Amino acid sequence: VAIKQVSLQKQPQKELIINELLVLRQNKHPNIVDYLDSYLVGNKLWIIMEYMDGGPLSSVIREVHIAEGEMAAICRE
């Protein structure tokens, strides 16, 4: 499992975090990390998800060249 800890106190747009959580909870797809659970403890939101090897998506995007058409297909999924 992977645990993402989000400090809500440091987030100016808390609705973006809540939206991310709702998207994770509602979507099941082989190419999307599985949401397992979440907890609010004080000002910290703990999101428990499936662990994925390879690091964050932002690193993969920087390191791997993906053609525009391929990126569009990935986003459509």
PDB file of N, CA and C in Angstrom:
ATOM      1  N   VAL A   1       0.836  -1.192   0.000  1.00  0.00           N
ATOM      2  CA  VAL A   1       0.000   0.000   0.000  1.00  0.00           C
ATOM      3  C   VAL A   1       0.879   1.254   0.000  1.00  0.00           C
ATOM      4  N   ALA A   2       0.302   2.351  -0.392  1.00  0.00           N
ATOM      5  CA  ALA A   2       0.945   3.661  -0.327  1.00  0.00           C
ATOM      6  C   ALA A   2       0.043   4.576   0.483  1.00  0.00           C
ATOM      7  N   ILE A   3       0.656   5.436   1.268  1.00  0.00           N
ATOM      8  CA  ILE A   3      -0.108   6.371   2.090  1.00  0.00           C
ATOM      9  C   ILE A   3       0.303   7.780   1.719  1.00  0.00           C
ATOM     10  N   LYS A   4      -0.664   8.572   1.310  1.00  0.00           N
ATOM     11  CA  LYS A   4      -0.428   9.976   0.969  1.00  0.00           C
ATOM     12  C   LYS A   4      -0.948  10.823   2.121  1.00  0.00           C
ATOM     13  N   GLN A   5      -0.080  11.635   2.683  1.00  0.00           N
ATOM     14  CA  GLN A   5      -0.472  12.510   3.784  1.00  0.00           C
ATOM     15  C   GLN A   5      -0.571  13.931   3.246  1.00  0.00           C
ATOM     16  N   VAL A   6      -1.717  14.555   3.436  1.00  0.00           N
ATOM     17  CA  VAL A   6      -1.955  15.904   2.952  1.00  0.00           C
ATOM     18  C   VAL A   6      -2.276  16.799   4.131  1.00  0.00           C
ATOM     19  N   SER A   7      -1.506  17.869   4.299  1.00  0.00           N
ATOM     20  CA  SER A   7      -1.782  18.835   5.347  1.00  0.00           C
ATOM     21  C   SER A   7      -2.825  19.822   4.820  1.00  0.00           C
ATOM     22  N   LEU A   8      -4.036  19.732   5.325  1.00  0.00           N
ATOM     23  CA  LEU A   8      -5.104  20.612   4.855  1.00  0.00           C
ATOM     24  C   LEU A   8      -4.860  22.058   5.260  1.00  0.00           C
ATOM     25  N   GLN A   9      -4.131  22.253   6.327  1.00  0.00           N
ATOM     26  CA  GLN A   9      -3.831  23.601   6.800  1.00  0.00           C
ATOM     27  C   GLN A   9      -2.996  24.364   5.764  1.00  0.00           C
ATOM     28  N   LYS A  10      -2.158  23.653   5.019  1.00  0.00           N
ATOM     29  CA  LYS A  10      -1.272  24.288   4.035  1.00  0.00           C
ATOM     30  C   LYS A  10      -1.901  24.378   2.645  1.00  0.00           C
ATOM     31  N   GLN A  11      -3.119  23.885   2.484  1.00  0.00           N
ATOM     32  CA  GLN A  11      -3.778  23.871   1.180  1.00  0.00           C
ATOM     33  C   GLN A  11      -4.735  25.044   1.039  1.00  0.00           C
ATOM     34  N   PRO A  12      -4.422  25.997   0.141  1.00  0.00           N
ATOM     35  CA  PRO A  12      -5.333  27.129  -0.039  1.00  0.00           C
ATOM     36  C   PRO A  12      -6.644  26.718  -0.725  1.00  0.00           C
ATOM     37  N   GLN A  13      -6.592  25.648  -1.543  1.00  0.00           N
ATOM     38  CA  GLN A  13      -7.790  25.204  -2.257  1.00  0.00           C
ATOM     39  C   GLN A  13      -8.122  23.781  -1.833  1.00  0.00           C
ATOM     40  N   LYS A  14      -8.722  23.664  -0.673  1.00  0.00           N
ATOM     41  CA  LYS A  14      -9.040  22.353  -0.114  1.00  0.00           C
ATOM     42  C   LYS A  14      -9.990  21.559  -1.001  1.00  0.00           C
ATOM     43  N   GLU A  15     -10.806  22.253  -1.763  1.00  0.00           N
ATOM     44  CA  GLU A  15     -11.761  21.553  -2.630  1.00  0.00           C
ATOM     45  C   GLU A  15     -11.051  20.715  -3.697  1.00  0.00           C
ATOM     46  N   LEU A  16      -9.829  21.089  -4.098  1.00  0.00           N
ATOM     47  CA  LEU A  16      -9.077  20.285  -5.065  1.00  0.00           C
ATOM     48  C   LEU A  16      -8.669  18.944  -4.459  1.00  0.00           C
ATOM     49  N   ILE A  17      -8.301  18.945  -3.199  1.00  0.00           N
ATOM     50  CA  ILE A  17      -7.931  17.714  -2.505  1.00  0.00           C
ATOM     51  C   ILE A  17      -9.153  16.820  -2.350  1.00  0.00           C
ATOM     52  N   ILE A  18     -10.259  17.409  -1.968  1.00  0.00           N
ATOM     53  CA  ILE A  18     -11.497  16.639  -1.809  1.00  0.00           C
ATOM     54  C   ILE A  18     -11.926  16.066  -3.152  1.00  0.00           C
ATOM     55  N   ASN A  19     -11.784  16.850  -4.221  1.00  0.00           N
ATOM     56  CA  ASN A  19     -12.135  16.377  -5.557  1.00  0.00           C
ATOM     57  C   ASN A  19     -11.256  15.186  -5.962  1.00  0.00           C
ATOM     58  N   GLU A  20      -9.952  15.270  -5.680  1.00  0.00           N
ATOM     59  CA  GLU A  20      -9.049  14.157  -5.980  1.00  0.00           C
ATOM     60  C   GLU A  20      -9.495  12.892  -5.247  1.00  0.00           C
ATOM     61  N   LEU A  21      -9.857  13.047  -4.011  1.00  0.00           N
ATOM     62  CA  LEU A  21     -10.312  11.917  -3.210  1.00  0.00           C
ATOM     63  C   LEU A  21     -11.587  11.308  -3.799  1.00  0.00           C
ATOM     64  N   LEU A  22     -12.531  12.146  -4.180  1.00  0.00           N
ATOM     65  CA  LEU A  22     -13.780  11.650  -4.762  1.00  0.00           C
ATOM     66  C   LEU A  22     -13.537  10.926  -6.079  1.00  0.00           C
ATOM     67  N   VAL A  23     -12.640  11.464  -6.903  1.00  0.00           N
ATOM     68  CA  VAL A  23     -12.313  10.820  -8.180  1.00  0.00           C
ATOM     69  C   VAL A  23     -11.694   9.449  -7.935  1.00  0.00           C
ATOM     70  N   LEU A  24     -10.768   9.373  -6.987  1.00  0.00           N
ATOM     71  CA  LEU A  24     -10.148   8.088  -6.655  1.00  0.00           C
ATOM     72  C   LEU A  24     -11.186   7.076  -6.171  1.00  0.00           C
ATOM     73  N   ARG A  25     -12.098   7.529  -5.332  1.00  0.00           N
ATOM     74  CA  ARG A  25     -13.106   6.626  -4.754  1.00  0.00           C
ATOM     75  C   ARG A  25     -14.076   6.101  -5.798  1.00  0.00           C
ATOM     76  N   GLN A  26     -14.415   6.923  -6.785  1.00  0.00           N
ATOM     77  CA  GLN A  26     -15.477   6.579  -7.723  1.00  0.00           C
ATOM     78  C   GLN A  26     -14.998   5.859  -8.978  1.00  0.00           C
ATOM     79  N   ASN A  27     -13.702   5.885  -9.250  1.00  0.00           N
ATOM     80  CA  ASN A  27     -13.216   5.323 -10.511  1.00  0.00           C
ATOM     81  C   ASN A  27     -12.389   4.070 -10.292  1.00  0.00           C
ATOM     82  N   LYS A  28     -12.778   3.032 -10.973  1.00  0.00           N
ATOM     83  CA  LYS A  28     -12.041   1.758 -10.973  1.00  0.00           C
ATOM     84  C   LYS A  28     -11.623   1.490 -12.418  1.00  0.00           C
ATOM     85  N   HIS A  29     -10.320   1.368 -12.626  1.00  0.00           N
ATOM     86  CA  HIS A  29      -9.790   1.125 -13.966  1.00  0.00           C
ATOM     87  C   HIS A  29      -8.419   0.488 -13.803  1.00  0.00           C
ATOM     88  N   PRO A  30      -8.047  -0.425 -14.683  1.00  0.00           N
ATOM     89  CA  PRO A  30      -6.728  -1.067 -14.556  1.00  0.00           C
ATOM     90  C   PRO A  30      -5.556  -0.085 -14.599  1.00  0.00           C
ATOM     91  N   ASN A  31      -5.755   1.089 -15.187  1.00  0.00           N
ATOM     92  CA  ASN A  31      -4.682   2.071 -15.311  1.00  0.00           C
ATOM     93  C   ASN A  31      -4.752   3.190 -14.282  1.00  0.00           C
ATOM     94  N   ILE A  32      -5.630   3.044 -13.299  1.00  0.00           N
ATOM     95  CA  ILE A  32      -5.754   4.040 -12.228  1.00  0.00           C
ATOM     96  C   ILE A  32      -5.456   3.353 -10.901  1.00  0.00           C
ATOM     97  N   VAL A  33      -4.650   4.002 -10.084  1.00  0.00           N
ATOM     98  CA  VAL A  33      -4.311   3.465  -8.768  1.00  0.00           C
ATOM     99  C   VAL A  33      -5.591   3.257  -7.961  1.00  0.00           C
ATOM    100  N   ASP A  34      -5.693   2.100  -7.301  1.00  0.00           N
ATOM    101  CA  ASP A  34      -6.881   1.796  -6.494  1.00  0.00           C
ATOM    102  C   ASP A  34      -6.880   2.587  -5.191  1.00  0.00           C
ATOM    103  N   TYR A  35      -8.011   3.193  -4.905  1.00  0.00           N
ATOM    104  CA  TYR A  35      -8.241   3.861  -3.625  1.00  0.00           C
ATOM    105  C   TYR A  35      -8.666   2.786  -2.626  1.00  0.00           C
ATOM    106  N   LEU A  36      -8.089   2.815  -1.439  1.00  0.00           N
ATOM    107  CA  LEU A  36      -8.457   1.844  -0.414  1.00  0.00           C
ATOM    108  C   LEU A  36      -9.250   2.473   0.722  1.00  0.00           C
ATOM    109  N   ASP A  37      -8.772   3.609   1.232  1.00  0.00           N
ATOM    110  CA  ASP A  37      -9.461   4.249   2.355  1.00  0.00           C
ATOM    111  C   ASP A  37      -8.859   5.624   2.585  1.00  0.00           C
ATOM    112  N   SER A  38      -9.478   6.394   3.464  1.00  0.00           N
ATOM    113  CA  SER A  38      -8.928   7.692   3.848  1.00  0.00           C
ATOM    114  C   SER A  38      -9.394   8.024   5.258  1.00  0.00           C
ATOM    115  N   TYR A  39      -8.575   8.849   5.922  1.00  0.00           N
ATOM    116  CA  TYR A  39      -8.857   9.251   7.300  1.00  0.00           C
ATOM    117  C   TYR A  39      -8.514  10.714   7.469  1.00  0.00           C
ATOM    118  N   LEU A  40      -9.322  11.415   8.210  1.00  0.00           N
ATOM    119  CA  LEU A  40      -9.032  12.794   8.574  1.00  0.00           C
ATOM    120  C   LEU A  40      -8.648  12.803  10.049  1.00  0.00           C
ATOM    121  N   VAL A  41      -7.406  13.198  10.330  1.00  0.00           N
ATOM    122  CA  VAL A  41      -6.893  13.254  11.694  1.00  0.00           C
ATOM    123  C   VAL A  41      -6.382  14.669  11.919  1.00  0.00           C
ATOM    124  N   GLY A  42      -7.124  15.432  12.689  1.00  0.00           N
ATOM    125  CA  GLY A  42      -6.766  16.835  12.888  1.00  0.00           C
ATOM    126  C   GLY A  42      -6.832  17.578  11.556  1.00  0.00           C
ATOM    127  N   ASN A  43      -5.746  18.239  11.191  1.00  0.00           N
ATOM    128  CA  ASN A  43      -5.675  18.959   9.919  1.00  0.00           C
ATOM    129  C   ASN A  43      -4.995  18.144   8.829  1.00  0.00           C
ATOM    130  N   LYS A  44      -4.829  16.845   9.045  1.00  0.00           N
ATOM    131  CA  LYS A  44      -4.155  16.006   8.064  1.00  0.00           C
ATOM    132  C   LYS A  44      -5.111  14.979   7.482  1.00  0.00           C
ATOM    133  N   LEU A  45      -5.093  14.876   6.163  1.00  0.00           N
ATOM    134  CA  LEU A  45      -5.872  13.872   5.452  1.00  0.00           C
ATOM    135  C   LEU A  45      -4.912  12.769   5.034  1.00  0.00           C
ATOM    136  N   TRP A  46      -5.204  11.546   5.406  1.00  0.00           N
ATOM    137  CA  TRP A  46      -4.394  10.383   5.069  1.00  0.00           C
ATOM    138  C   TRP A  46      -5.172   9.578   4.025  1.00  0.00           C
ATOM    139  N   ILE A  47      -4.581   9.404   2.846  1.00  0.00           N
ATOM    140  CA  ILE A  47      -5.224   8.655   1.769  1.00  0.00           C
ATOM    141  C   ILE A  47      -4.426   7.370   1.553  1.00  0.00           C
ATOM    142  N   ILE A  48      -5.097   6.237   1.673  1.00  0.00           N
ATOM    143  CA  ILE A  48      -4.451   4.936   1.507  1.00  0.00           C
ATOM    144  C   ILE A  48      -4.813   4.418   0.117  1.00  0.00           C
ATOM    145  N   MET A  49      -3.763   4.108  -0.664  1.00  0.00           N
ATOM    146  CA  MET A  49      -3.946   3.697  -2.052  1.00  0.00           C
ATOM    147  C   MET A  49      -3.078   2.479  -2.355  1.00  0.00           C
ATOM    148  N   GLU A  50      -3.345   1.890  -3.492  1.00  0.00           N
ATOM    149  CA  GLU A  50      -2.497   0.826  -4.012  1.00  0.00           C
ATOM    150  C   GLU A  50      -1.108   1.405  -4.292  1.00  0.00           C
ATOM    151  N   TYR A  51      -0.060   0.641  -4.012  1.00  0.00           N
ATOM    152  CA  TYR A  51       1.305   1.086  -4.285  1.00  0.00           C
ATOM    153  C   TYR A  51       1.649   0.797  -5.740  1.00  0.00           C
ATOM    154  N   MET A  52       2.249   1.775  -6.407  1.00  0.00           N
ATOM    155  CA  MET A  52       2.682   1.611  -7.793  1.00  0.00           C
ATOM    156  C   MET A  52       4.176   1.863  -7.888  1.00  0.00           C
ATOM    157  N   ASP A  53       4.911   0.919  -8.482  1.00  0.00           N
ATOM    158  CA  ASP A  53       6.336   1.116  -8.735  1.00  0.00           C
ATOM    159  C   ASP A  53       6.539   2.191  -9.790  1.00  0.00           C
ATOM    160  N   GLY A  54       7.706   2.780  -9.814  1.00  0.00           N
ATOM    161  CA  GLY A  54       8.050   3.700 -10.893  1.00  0.00           C
ATOM    162  C   GLY A  54       8.051   5.159 -10.494  1.00  0.00           C
ATOM    163  N   GLY A  55       7.633   5.488  -9.289  1.00  0.00           N
ATOM    164  CA  GLY A  55       7.640   6.877  -8.854  1.00  0.00           C
ATOM    165  C   GLY A  55       6.409   7.634  -9.304  1.00  0.00           C
ATOM    166  N   PRO A  56       6.394   8.932  -9.039  1.00  0.00           N
ATOM    167  CA  PRO A  56       5.216   9.738  -9.387  1.00  0.00           C
ATOM    168  C   PRO A  56       5.076   9.912 -10.898  1.00  0.00           C
ATOM    169  N   LEU A  57       3.858  10.101 -11.331  1.00  0.00           N
ATOM    170  CA  LEU A  57       3.566  10.286 -12.754  1.00  0.00           C
ATOM    171  C   LEU A  57       4.335  11.464 -13.328  1.00  0.00           C
ATOM    172  N   SER A  58       4.511  12.519 -12.549  1.00  0.00           N
ATOM    173  CA  SER A  58       5.235  13.696 -13.045  1.00  0.00           C
ATOM    174  C   SER A  58       6.664  13.333 -13.448  1.00  0.00           C
ATOM    175  N   SER A  59       7.307  12.436 -12.718  1.00  0.00           N
ATOM    176  CA  SER A  59       8.665  12.005 -13.070  1.00  0.00           C
ATOM    177  C   SER A  59       8.663  11.189 -14.356  1.00  0.00           C
ATOM    178  N   VAL A  60       7.695  10.313 -14.494  1.00  0.00           N
ATOM    179  CA  VAL A  60       7.597   9.490 -15.698  1.00  0.00           C
ATOM    180  C   VAL A  60       7.380  10.364 -16.918  1.00  0.00           C
ATOM    181  N   ILE A  61       6.530  11.366 -16.804  1.00  0.00           N
ATOM    182  CA  ILE A  61       6.241  12.258 -17.929  1.00  0.00           C
ATOM    183  C   ILE A  61       7.497  13.026 -18.345  1.00  0.00           C
ATOM    184  N   ARG A  62       8.293  13.464 -17.365  1.00  0.00           N
ATOM    185  CA  ARG A  62       9.532  14.190 -17.686  1.00  0.00           C
ATOM    186  C   ARG A  62      10.570  13.297 -18.349  1.00  0.00           C
ATOM    187  N   GLU A  63      10.627  12.040 -17.948  1.00  0.00           N
ATOM    188  CA  GLU A  63      11.681  11.137 -18.417  1.00  0.00           C
ATOM    189  C   GLU A  63      11.351  10.417 -19.712  1.00  0.00           C
ATOM    190  N   VAL A  64      10.089  10.217 -20.004  1.00  0.00           N
ATOM    191  CA  VAL A  64       9.674   9.440 -21.167  1.00  0.00           C
ATOM    192  C   VAL A  64       8.970  10.361 -22.156  1.00  0.00           C
ATOM    193  N   HIS A  65       9.455  10.344 -23.392  1.00  0.00           N
ATOM    194  CA  HIS A  65       8.800  11.153 -24.427  1.00  0.00           C
ATOM    195  C   HIS A  65       7.571  10.404 -24.929  1.00  0.00           C
ATOM    196  N   ILE A  66       6.430  11.055 -24.866  1.00  0.00           N
ATOM    197  CA  ILE A  66       5.182  10.474 -25.338  1.00  0.00           C
ATOM    198  C   ILE A  66       4.632  11.398 -26.419  1.00  0.00           C
ATOM    199  N   ALA A  67       4.319  10.819 -27.555  1.00  0.00           N
ATOM    200  CA  ALA A  67       3.766  11.601 -28.659  1.00  0.00           C
ATOM    201  C   ALA A  67       2.426  12.205 -28.247  1.00  0.00           C
ATOM    202  N   GLU A  68       2.081  13.307 -28.851  1.00  0.00           N
ATOM    203  CA  GLU A  68       0.851  14.021 -28.501  1.00  0.00           C
ATOM    204  C   GLU A  68      -0.382  13.139 -28.630  1.00  0.00           C
ATOM    205  N   GLY A  69      -0.444  12.345 -29.682  1.00  0.00           N
ATOM    206  CA  GLY A  69      -1.588  11.452 -29.881  1.00  0.00           C
ATOM    207  C   GLY A  69      -1.694  10.398 -28.799  1.00  0.00           C
ATOM    208  N   GLU A  70      -0.545   9.861 -28.370  1.00  0.00           N
ATOM    209  CA  GLU A  70      -0.535   8.879 -27.283  1.00  0.00           C
ATOM    210  C   GLU A  70      -0.990   9.516 -25.977  1.00  0.00           C
ATOM    211  N   MET A  71      -0.518  10.735 -25.710  1.00  0.00           N
ATOM    212  CA  MET A  71      -0.918  11.435 -24.496  1.00  0.00           C
ATOM    213  C   MET A  71      -2.425  11.686 -24.501  1.00  0.00           C
ATOM    214  N   ALA A  72      -2.977  12.052 -25.650  1.00  0.00           N
ATOM    215  CA  ALA A  72      -4.416  12.281 -25.762  1.00  0.00           C
ATOM    216  C   ALA A  72      -5.190  10.997 -25.468  1.00  0.00           C
ATOM    217  N   ALA A  73      -4.693   9.864 -25.983  1.00  0.00           N
ATOM    218  CA  ALA A  73      -5.359   8.577 -25.740  1.00  0.00           C
ATOM    219  C   ALA A  73      -5.320   8.212 -24.261  1.00  0.00           C
ATOM    220  N   ILE A  74      -4.189   8.469 -23.611  1.00  0.00           N
ATOM    221  CA  ILE A  74      -4.064   8.190 -22.177  1.00  0.00           C
ATOM    222  C   ILE A  74      -5.045   9.045 -21.386  1.00  0.00           C
ATOM    223  N   CYS A  75      -5.143  10.322 -21.742  1.00  0.00           N
ATOM    224  CA  CYS A  75      -6.055  11.232 -21.025  1.00  0.00           C
ATOM    225  C   CYS A  75      -7.513  10.834 -21.226  1.00  0.00           C
ATOM    226  N   ARG A  76      -7.856  10.327 -22.415  1.00  0.00           N
ATOM    227  CA  ARG A  76      -9.237   9.899 -22.663  1.00  0.00           C
ATOM    228  C   ARG A  76      -9.629   8.730 -21.778  1.00  0.00           C
ATOM    229  N   GLU A  77      -8.656   7.851 -21.486  1.00  0.00           N
ATOM    230  CA  GLU A  77      -8.951   6.692 -20.630  1.00  0.00           C
ATOM    231  C   GLU A  77      -9.296   7.165 -19.239  1.00  0.00           C
TER     232      GLU A  77
END
